[in-house]
C-alpha atoms as a PDB file:
ATOM      1  CA  MET A   1      51.899 274.659 134.726  1.00  0.00           C
ATOM      2  CA  ILE A   2      50.971 278.235 134.995  1.00  0.00           C
ATOM      3  CA  THR A   3      47.513 278.949 133.599  1.00  0.00           C
ATOM      4  CA  ARG A   4      46.610 282.381 135.040  1.00  0.00           C
ATOM      5  CA  ALA A   5      48.213 285.818 134.625  1.00  0.00           C
ATOM      6  CA  LEU A   6      47.733 289.167 136.345  1.00  0.00           C
ATOM      7  CA  ILE A   7      48.652 292.374 134.461  1.00  0.00           C
ATOM      8  CA  LEU A   8      48.978 295.486 136.622  1.00  0.00           C
ATOM      9  CA  ALA A   9      47.986 298.431 134.385  1.00  0.00           C
ATOM     10  CA  ALA A  10      46.166 300.775 136.806  1.00  0.00           C
ATOM     11  CA  GLY A  11      48.647 303.618 137.436  1.00  0.00           C
ATOM     12  CA  LYS A  12      49.725 306.578 135.374  1.00  0.00           C
ATOM     13  CA  GLY A  13      53.514 305.782 135.529  1.00  0.00           C
ATOM     14  CA  ILE A  14      56.140 307.587 133.570  1.00  0.00           C
ATOM     15  CA  ALA A  15      55.232 308.200 129.926  1.00  0.00           C
ATOM     16  CA  VAL A  16      56.704 305.949 127.347  1.00  0.00           C
ATOM     17  CA  GLY A  17      58.031 308.002 124.535  1.00  0.00           C
ATOM     18  CA  ASP A  18      55.597 310.632 123.412  1.00  0.00           C
ATOM     19  CA  HIS A  19      52.487 308.385 124.000  1.00  0.00           C
ATOM     20  CA  PRO A  20      49.979 310.580 126.048  1.00  0.00           C
ATOM     21  CA  GLY A  21      47.818 307.658 127.139  1.00  0.00           C
ATOM     22  CA  PRO A  22      48.307 304.502 129.241  1.00  0.00           C
ATOM     23  CA  ASN A  23      51.773 303.113 128.685  1.00  0.00           C
ATOM     24  CA  CYS A  24      50.380 299.708 127.705  1.00  0.00           C
ATOM     25  CA  LEU A  25      48.700 301.365 124.695  1.00  0.00           C
ATOM     26  CA  ALA A  26      51.975 302.729 123.377  1.00  0.00           C
ATOM     27  CA  MET A  27      52.822 301.407 119.915  1.00  0.00           C
ATOM     28  CA  VAL A  28      55.900 299.247 119.199  1.00  0.00           C
ATOM     29  CA  GLY A  29      55.924 298.850 115.394  1.00  0.00           C
ATOM     30  CA  GLU A  30      52.305 298.313 114.558  1.00  0.00           C
ATOM     31  CA  THR A  31      51.163 296.624 117.842  1.00  0.00           C
ATOM     32  CA  THR A  32      50.571 298.070 121.315  1.00  0.00           C
ATOM     33  CA  LEU A  33      52.420 296.812 124.261  1.00  0.00           C
ATOM     34  CA  ILE A  34      49.245 295.236 125.692  1.00  0.00           C
ATOM     35  CA  GLU A  35      48.441 293.458 122.456  1.00  0.00           C
ATOM     36  CA  ARG A  36      52.059 291.989 122.336  1.00  0.00           C
ATOM     37  CA  THR A  37      51.725 290.921 126.033  1.00  0.00           C
ATOM     38  CA  LEU A  38      48.257 289.320 125.584  1.00  0.00           C
ATOM     39  CA  ALA A  39      49.345 287.461 122.447  1.00  0.00           C
ATOM     40  CA  LEU A  40      52.491 286.140 124.242  1.00  0.00           C
ATOM     41  CA  LEU A  41      50.478 284.944 127.285  1.00  0.00           C
ATOM     42  CA  ASP A  42      48.040 283.164 124.883  1.00  0.00           C
ATOM     43  CA  ALA A  43      50.920 281.573 123.099  1.00  0.00           C
ATOM     44  CA  LEU A  44      52.222 280.336 126.361  1.00  0.00           C
ATOM     45  CA  GLY A  45      49.017 278.541 127.166  1.00  0.00           C
ATOM     46  CA  ILE A  46      47.654 281.066 129.710  1.00  0.00           C
ATOM     47  CA  ARG A  47      43.855 280.361 130.103  1.00  0.00           C
ATOM     48  CA  GLN A  48      42.804 283.218 132.351  1.00  0.00           C
ATOM     49  CA  ILE A  49      44.180 286.845 132.174  1.00  0.00           C
ATOM     50  CA  ALA A  50      43.262 289.534 134.735  1.00  0.00           C
ATOM     51  CA  ILE A  51      44.060 293.109 134.074  1.00  0.00           C
ATOM     52  CA  THR A  52      43.816 295.675 136.884  1.00  0.00           C
ATOM     53  CA  VAL A  53      42.924 299.099 135.511  1.00  0.00           C
ATOM     54  CA  GLY A  54      42.598 302.550 137.046  1.00  0.00           C
ATOM     55  CA  TRP A  55      43.947 305.674 135.219  1.00  0.00           C
ATOM     56  CA  ARG A  56      42.106 305.827 131.822  1.00  0.00           C
ATOM     57  CA  GLY A  57      40.958 302.313 132.288  1.00  0.00           C
ATOM     58  CA  GLU A  58      37.956 302.626 130.009  1.00  0.00           C
ATOM     59  CA  GLU A  59      40.372 303.646 127.165  1.00  0.00           C
ATOM     60  CA  LEU A  60      42.323 300.424 127.773  1.00  0.00           C
ATOM     61  CA  ARG A  61      39.142 298.327 127.850  1.00  0.00           C
ATOM     62  CA  ARG A  62      37.953 299.836 124.587  1.00  0.00           C
ATOM     63  CA  ALA A  63      41.257 299.378 122.899  1.00  0.00           C
ATOM     64  CA  ILE A  64      41.508 295.683 123.731  1.00  0.00           C
ATOM     65  CA  GLY A  65      37.793 295.174 122.810  1.00  0.00           C
ATOM     66  CA  GLU A  66      38.309 296.971 119.428  1.00  0.00           C
ATOM     67  CA  SER A  67      41.613 295.402 118.594  1.00  0.00           C
ATOM     68  CA  THR A  68      41.704 293.566 115.289  1.00  0.00           C
ATOM     69  CA  ARG A  69      45.050 291.974 116.320  1.00  0.00           C
ATOM     70  CA  LEU A  70      43.543 289.986 119.173  1.00  0.00           C
ATOM     71  CA  ALA A  71      41.409 286.963 118.507  1.00  0.00           C
ATOM     72  CA  PRO A  72      37.842 286.883 120.020  1.00  0.00           C
ATOM     73  CA  VAL A  73      38.769 283.769 121.890  1.00  0.00           C
ATOM     74  CA  LEU A  74      41.657 285.515 123.485  1.00  0.00           C
ATOM     75  CA  LYS A  75      39.532 288.525 124.550  1.00  0.00           C
ATOM     76  CA  ARG A  76      37.078 286.083 126.294  1.00  0.00           C
ATOM     77  CA  LYS A  77      39.982 285.072 128.570  1.00  0.00           C
ATOM     78  CA  ILE A  78      40.340 288.547 129.987  1.00  0.00           C
ATOM     79  CA  THR A  79      38.720 289.736 133.194  1.00  0.00           C
ATOM     80  CA  PHE A  80      39.188 293.475 134.239  1.00  0.00           C
ATOM     81  CA  PHE A  81      39.457 294.712 137.858  1.00  0.00           C
ATOM     82  CA  ASP A  82      38.982 298.320 138.672  1.00  0.00           C
ATOM     83  CA  ASN A  83      41.331 300.012 141.067  1.00  0.00           C
ATOM     84  CA  PRO A  84      39.648 303.230 142.057  1.00  0.00           C
ATOM     85  CA  GLY A  85      42.676 304.086 144.399  1.00  0.00           C
ATOM     86  CA  TRP A  86      45.290 303.896 141.530  1.00  0.00           C
ATOM     87  CA  ASP A  87      46.557 307.459 142.455  1.00  0.00           C
ATOM     88  CA  ARG A  88      46.848 306.796 146.316  1.00  0.00           C
ATOM     89  CA  PRO A  89      50.090 305.820 148.078  1.00  0.00           C
ATOM     90  CA  THR A  90      51.249 302.231 147.420  1.00  0.00           C
ATOM     91  CA  GLY A  91      49.754 300.833 150.701  1.00  0.00           C
ATOM     92  CA  PHE A  92      46.280 301.596 149.531  1.00  0.00           C
ATOM     93  CA  ARG A  93      46.699 299.973 146.139  1.00  0.00           C
ATOM     94  CA  CYS A  94      46.902 296.407 147.127  1.00  0.00           C
ATOM     95  CA  ARG A  95      43.710 294.497 146.383  1.00  0.00           C
ATOM     96  CA  ARG A  96      42.398 291.084 147.114  1.00  0.00           C
ATOM     97  CA  ARG A  97      41.557 288.984 144.074  1.00  0.00           C
ATOM     98  CA  ASP A  98      39.691 286.013 145.659  1.00  0.00           C
ATOM     99  CA  HIS A  99      37.295 285.473 142.716  1.00  0.00           C
ATOM    100  CA  PHE A 100      40.217 285.224 140.262  1.00  0.00           C
ATOM    101  CA  SER A 101      42.004 282.513 142.278  1.00  0.00           C
ATOM    102  CA  PRO A 102      39.779 279.514 143.092  1.00  0.00           C
ATOM    103  CA  SER A 103      42.585 278.006 145.222  1.00  0.00           C
ATOM    104  CA  GLY A 104      42.477 280.881 147.695  1.00  0.00           C
ATOM    105  CA  PRO A 105      43.144 284.559 148.185  1.00  0.00           C
ATOM    106  CA  CYS A 106      45.504 286.284 145.950  1.00  0.00           C
ATOM    107  CA  TRP A 107      46.933 289.687 146.707  1.00  0.00           C
ATOM    108  CA  SER A 108      48.578 292.004 144.116  1.00  0.00           C
ATOM    109  CA  TRP A 109      50.837 294.989 144.624  1.00  0.00           C
ATOM    110  CA  PRO A 110      52.216 297.511 142.209  1.00  0.00           C
ATOM    111  CA  SER A 111      55.593 297.096 140.811  1.00  0.00           C
ATOM    112  CA  GLU A 112      57.253 299.782 142.980  1.00  0.00           C
ATOM    113  CA  SER A 113      56.226 298.061 146.197  1.00  0.00           C
ATOM    114  CA  PRO A 114      58.799 295.863 147.945  1.00  0.00           C
ATOM    115  CA  ARG A 115      56.146 293.180 148.349  1.00  0.00           C
ATOM    116  CA  PRO A 116      55.438 290.435 145.838  1.00  0.00           C
ATOM    117  CA  ARG A 117      53.399 291.466 142.809  1.00  0.00           C
ATOM    118  CA  CYS A 118      51.030 288.478 143.223  1.00  0.00           C
ATOM    119  CA  CYS A 119      50.782 285.197 145.001  1.00  0.00           C
ATOM    120  CA  ALA A 120      50.950 281.927 143.135  1.00  0.00           C
ATOM    121  CA  ILE A 121      47.673 281.187 141.555  1.00  0.00           C
END
């Protein structure tokens, strides 16, 4: 059973609609994309959620912390990782996540990379 998830939200990407900030904070109805994703992971029984942040990462952290749609118990499942190299070429963006994966090293790559997004954890 999968109990951990890694969300890659560090890059600027291509804007979703007319939302000027991080895409994961774009609204769909009355909920942001990140709120929908976190609620879905929680409903699926995910016990640990890691979010890699970079561009406007503090804005994302604040939005999750201040969200009234996410239960406090869900917010406590979240660990944030800073990626200061979010704007560098893909090869520099891979990061090791040893402390998130007790079973061994876990590497993550951005979605545009031909490598796997994350190892099995």
